C-alpha cells in the first residue's frame, strides 16, 4: 500500500470516529466507503437535474396559458 499523511482538524477526526460502521474500521476503509456513497449521490443528483430540465418546458407550457390567467383574475 502506498500511504501518505494528511492534516485534518481534530473535529474531523472526531466526526470520522463517529461515522465508523464498526470500531476496527480503518479511516482508509471509511473514506473509501464515503467516496463511493458521495459518487452515487452525485450521479443520482445529476439524473434528477436532467429530468427537471426536461420537465421545465412542458411545465411552462401547462402553467403559462391564457385559461389559467383568466381564472387568476376571477
N, C-alpha and C. Protein backbone atom coordinates (compact mmCIF):
# COMPACT_ATOMS: atom_id res chain seq x y z
N UNK A 1 0.85 -1.19 0.00
CA UNK A 1 0.00 0.00 0.00
C UNK A 1 0.89 1.24 0.00
N UNK A 2 0.55 2.19 -0.81
CA UNK A 2 1.26 3.45 -0.90
C UNK A 2 0.54 4.46 -0.02
N UNK A 3 1.05 4.72 1.18
CA UNK A 3 0.36 5.55 2.16
C UNK A 3 0.96 6.95 2.22
N UNK A 4 0.12 7.88 2.67
CA UNK A 4 0.56 9.26 2.85
C UNK A 4 -0.07 9.80 4.13
N UNK A 5 0.40 10.93 4.57
CA UNK A 5 -0.14 11.58 5.77
C UNK A 5 -0.83 12.86 5.36
N UNK A 6 -2.04 13.08 5.89
CA UNK A 6 -2.75 14.33 5.64
C UNK A 6 -3.08 14.98 6.97
N UNK A 7 -3.20 16.29 6.95
CA UNK A 7 -3.56 17.00 8.17
C UNK A 7 -5.03 17.39 8.10
N UNK A 8 -5.75 17.04 9.16
CA UNK A 8 -7.16 17.41 9.28
C UNK A 8 -7.40 17.94 10.69
N UNK A 9 -8.45 18.74 10.82
CA UNK A 9 -8.80 19.27 12.13
C UNK A 9 -9.22 18.12 13.06
N UNK A 10 -9.01 18.33 14.34
CA UNK A 10 -9.42 17.31 15.32
C UNK A 10 -10.93 17.06 15.25
N UNK A 11 -11.70 18.09 14.91
CA UNK A 11 -13.15 17.92 14.80
C UNK A 11 -13.50 16.94 13.68
N UNK A 12 -12.68 16.91 12.63
CA UNK A 12 -12.90 15.97 11.52
C UNK A 12 -12.61 14.55 11.99
N UNK A 13 -11.55 14.38 12.76
CA UNK A 13 -11.21 13.06 13.31
C UNK A 13 -12.34 12.56 14.21
N UNK A 14 -12.89 13.43 15.04
CA UNK A 14 -14.00 13.05 15.93
C UNK A 14 -15.21 12.63 15.10
N UNK A 15 -15.51 13.40 14.05
CA UNK A 15 -16.65 13.07 13.19
C UNK A 15 -16.41 11.74 12.47
N UNK A 16 -15.18 11.50 12.01
CA UNK A 16 -14.86 10.23 11.35
C UNK A 16 -15.02 9.05 12.30
N UNK A 17 -14.57 9.22 13.53
CA UNK A 17 -14.72 8.15 14.52
C UNK A 17 -16.19 7.81 14.74
N UNK A 18 -17.03 8.83 14.79
CA UNK A 18 -18.47 8.61 15.00
C UNK A 18 -19.12 7.98 13.77
N UNK A 19 -18.54 8.18 12.58
CA UNK A 19 -19.12 7.69 11.34
C UNK A 19 -18.74 6.25 11.02
N UNK A 20 -17.81 5.68 11.77
CA UNK A 20 -17.38 4.32 11.50
C UNK A 20 -18.54 3.34 11.59
N UNK A 21 -18.54 2.35 10.68
CA UNK A 21 -19.56 1.30 10.69
C UNK A 21 -19.30 0.28 11.78
N UNK A 22 -18.04 0.09 12.12
CA UNK A 22 -17.66 -0.81 13.20
C UNK A 22 -16.35 -0.29 13.80
N UNK A 23 -16.09 -0.59 15.08
CA UNK A 23 -14.96 0.02 15.80
C UNK A 23 -13.59 -0.15 15.14
N UNK A 24 -13.34 -1.30 14.53
CA UNK A 24 -12.00 -1.55 13.97
C UNK A 24 -11.87 -1.13 12.50
N UNK A 25 -12.89 -0.47 11.98
CA UNK A 25 -12.84 0.01 10.61
C UNK A 25 -11.75 1.07 10.49
N UNK A 26 -10.90 0.93 9.47
CA UNK A 26 -9.82 1.91 9.29
C UNK A 26 -10.38 3.18 8.66
N UNK A 27 -9.65 4.26 8.84
CA UNK A 27 -10.07 5.51 8.21
C UNK A 27 -10.03 5.36 6.69
N UNK A 28 -9.09 4.61 6.17
CA UNK A 28 -9.00 4.37 4.74
C UNK A 28 -10.26 3.67 4.23
N UNK A 29 -10.71 2.63 4.93
CA UNK A 29 -11.94 1.93 4.56
C UNK A 29 -13.14 2.88 4.62
N UNK A 30 -13.20 3.64 5.70
CA UNK A 30 -14.30 4.57 5.89
C UNK A 30 -14.34 5.62 4.79
N UNK A 31 -13.20 6.19 4.47
CA UNK A 31 -13.15 7.22 3.43
C UNK A 31 -13.48 6.64 2.06
N UNK A 32 -13.04 5.42 1.78
CA UNK A 32 -13.39 4.79 0.50
C UNK A 32 -14.90 4.59 0.41
N UNK A 33 -15.51 4.15 1.51
CA UNK A 33 -16.96 3.97 1.54
C UNK A 33 -17.67 5.31 1.36
N UNK A 34 -17.19 6.34 2.03
CA UNK A 34 -17.80 7.66 1.93
C UNK A 34 -17.69 8.19 0.49
N UNK A 35 -16.57 7.96 -0.16
CA UNK A 35 -16.40 8.39 -1.55
C UNK A 35 -17.37 7.65 -2.48
N UNK A 36 -17.55 6.37 -2.24
CA UNK A 36 -18.49 5.58 -3.04
C UNK A 36 -19.91 6.14 -2.90
N UNK A 37 -20.32 6.41 -1.67
CA UNK A 37 -21.65 6.97 -1.41
C UNK A 37 -21.78 8.35 -2.06
N UNK A 38 -20.75 9.17 -1.91
CA UNK A 38 -20.77 10.51 -2.49
C UNK A 38 -20.94 10.46 -4.01
N UNK A 39 -20.19 9.56 -4.67
CA UNK A 39 -20.29 9.44 -6.12
C UNK A 39 -21.69 9.00 -6.54
N UNK A 40 -22.28 8.05 -5.80
CA UNK A 40 -23.64 7.59 -6.11
C UNK A 40 -24.65 8.72 -5.98
N UNK A 41 -24.55 9.48 -4.91
CA UNK A 41 -25.47 10.60 -4.68
C UNK A 41 -25.30 11.65 -5.77
N UNK A 42 -24.07 11.94 -6.11
CA UNK A 42 -23.80 12.93 -7.15
C UNK A 42 -24.38 12.49 -8.49
N UNK A 43 -24.21 11.20 -8.82
CA UNK A 43 -24.74 10.67 -10.08
C UNK A 43 -26.26 10.75 -10.08
N UNK A 44 -26.89 10.39 -8.97
CA UNK A 44 -28.36 10.44 -8.85
C UNK A 44 -28.83 11.88 -8.96
N UNK A 45 -28.11 12.79 -8.36
CA UNK A 45 -28.46 14.21 -8.38
C UNK A 45 -28.40 14.75 -9.81
N UNK A 46 -27.39 14.33 -10.57
CA UNK A 46 -27.27 14.77 -11.96
C UNK A 46 -28.47 14.27 -12.76
N UNK A 47 -28.91 13.04 -12.49
CA UNK A 47 -30.07 12.48 -13.18
C UNK A 47 -31.32 13.29 -12.84
N UNK A 48 -31.49 13.63 -11.56
CA UNK A 48 -32.64 14.42 -11.14
C UNK A 48 -32.64 15.79 -11.80
N UNK A 49 -31.47 16.42 -11.88
CA UNK A 49 -31.36 17.72 -12.55
C UNK A 49 -31.71 17.60 -14.03
N UNK A 50 -31.26 16.52 -14.67
CA UNK A 50 -31.56 16.27 -16.07
C UNK A 50 -33.07 16.16 -16.28
N UNK A 51 -33.74 15.39 -15.43
CA UNK A 51 -35.19 15.24 -15.53
C UNK A 51 -35.90 16.57 -15.30
N UNK A 52 -35.42 17.32 -14.34
CA UNK A 52 -36.02 18.62 -14.04
C UNK A 52 -35.94 19.54 -15.27
N UNK A 53 -34.78 19.58 -15.93
CA UNK A 53 -34.62 20.43 -17.11
C UNK A 53 -35.57 20.01 -18.22
N UNK A 54 -35.70 18.71 -18.43
CA UNK A 54 -36.60 18.21 -19.47
C UNK A 54 -38.04 18.62 -19.15
N UNK A 55 -38.42 18.54 -17.90
CA UNK A 55 -39.80 18.82 -17.50
C UNK A 55 -40.12 20.31 -17.49
N UNK A 56 -39.12 21.16 -17.39
CA UNK A 56 -39.36 22.60 -17.30
C UNK A 56 -40.18 23.13 -18.49
N UNK A 57 -39.82 22.72 -19.69
CA UNK A 57 -40.52 23.21 -20.88
C UNK A 57 -41.99 22.82 -20.85
N UNK A 58 -42.27 21.57 -20.53
CA UNK A 58 -43.65 21.09 -20.50
C UNK A 58 -44.43 21.79 -19.38
N UNK A 59 -43.82 21.95 -18.23
CA UNK A 59 -44.50 22.60 -17.11
C UNK A 59 -44.80 24.06 -17.45
N UNK A 60 -43.87 24.73 -18.10
CA UNK A 60 -44.10 26.12 -18.52
C UNK A 60 -45.29 26.18 -19.47
N UNK A 61 -45.33 25.22 -20.40
CA UNK A 61 -46.43 25.14 -21.37
C UNK A 61 -47.76 24.93 -20.64
N UNK A 62 -47.77 24.07 -19.63
CA UNK A 62 -49.00 23.77 -18.90
C UNK A 62 -49.44 24.93 -18.00
N UNK A 63 -48.49 25.60 -17.39
CA UNK A 63 -48.83 26.63 -16.41
C UNK A 63 -49.02 28.01 -17.03
N UNK A 64 -48.26 28.31 -18.06
CA UNK A 64 -48.33 29.64 -18.67
C UNK A 64 -49.32 29.62 -19.83
N UNK A 65 -50.60 29.68 -19.50
CA UNK A 65 -51.61 29.69 -20.55
C UNK A 65 -52.71 30.68 -20.19
N UNK A 66 -53.43 31.10 -21.20
CA UNK A 66 -54.46 32.13 -21.02
C UNK A 66 -55.59 31.67 -20.11
N UNK A 67 -55.95 30.39 -20.17
CA UNK A 67 -57.06 29.89 -19.35
C UNK A 67 -56.75 30.06 -17.85
N UNK A 68 -55.53 29.72 -17.47
CA UNK A 68 -55.16 29.85 -16.06
C UNK A 68 -55.12 31.32 -15.64
N UNK A 69 -54.62 32.18 -16.53
CA UNK A 69 -54.56 33.60 -16.20
C UNK A 69 -55.95 34.17 -16.00
N UNK A 70 -56.93 33.70 -16.79
CA UNK A 70 -58.31 34.16 -16.65
C UNK A 70 -58.86 33.75 -15.29
N UNK A 71 -58.55 32.55 -14.84
CA UNK A 71 -59.04 32.07 -13.53
C UNK A 71 -58.41 32.85 -12.38
N UNK A 72 -57.14 33.28 -12.56
CA UNK A 72 -56.47 34.03 -11.51
C UNK A 72 -57.14 35.38 -11.28
N UNK A 73 -57.76 35.95 -12.32
CA UNK A 73 -58.41 37.24 -12.20
C UNK A 73 -59.88 37.13 -11.83
N UNK A 74 -60.39 35.92 -11.74
CA UNK A 74 -61.81 35.73 -11.48
C UNK A 74 -62.18 36.04 -10.03
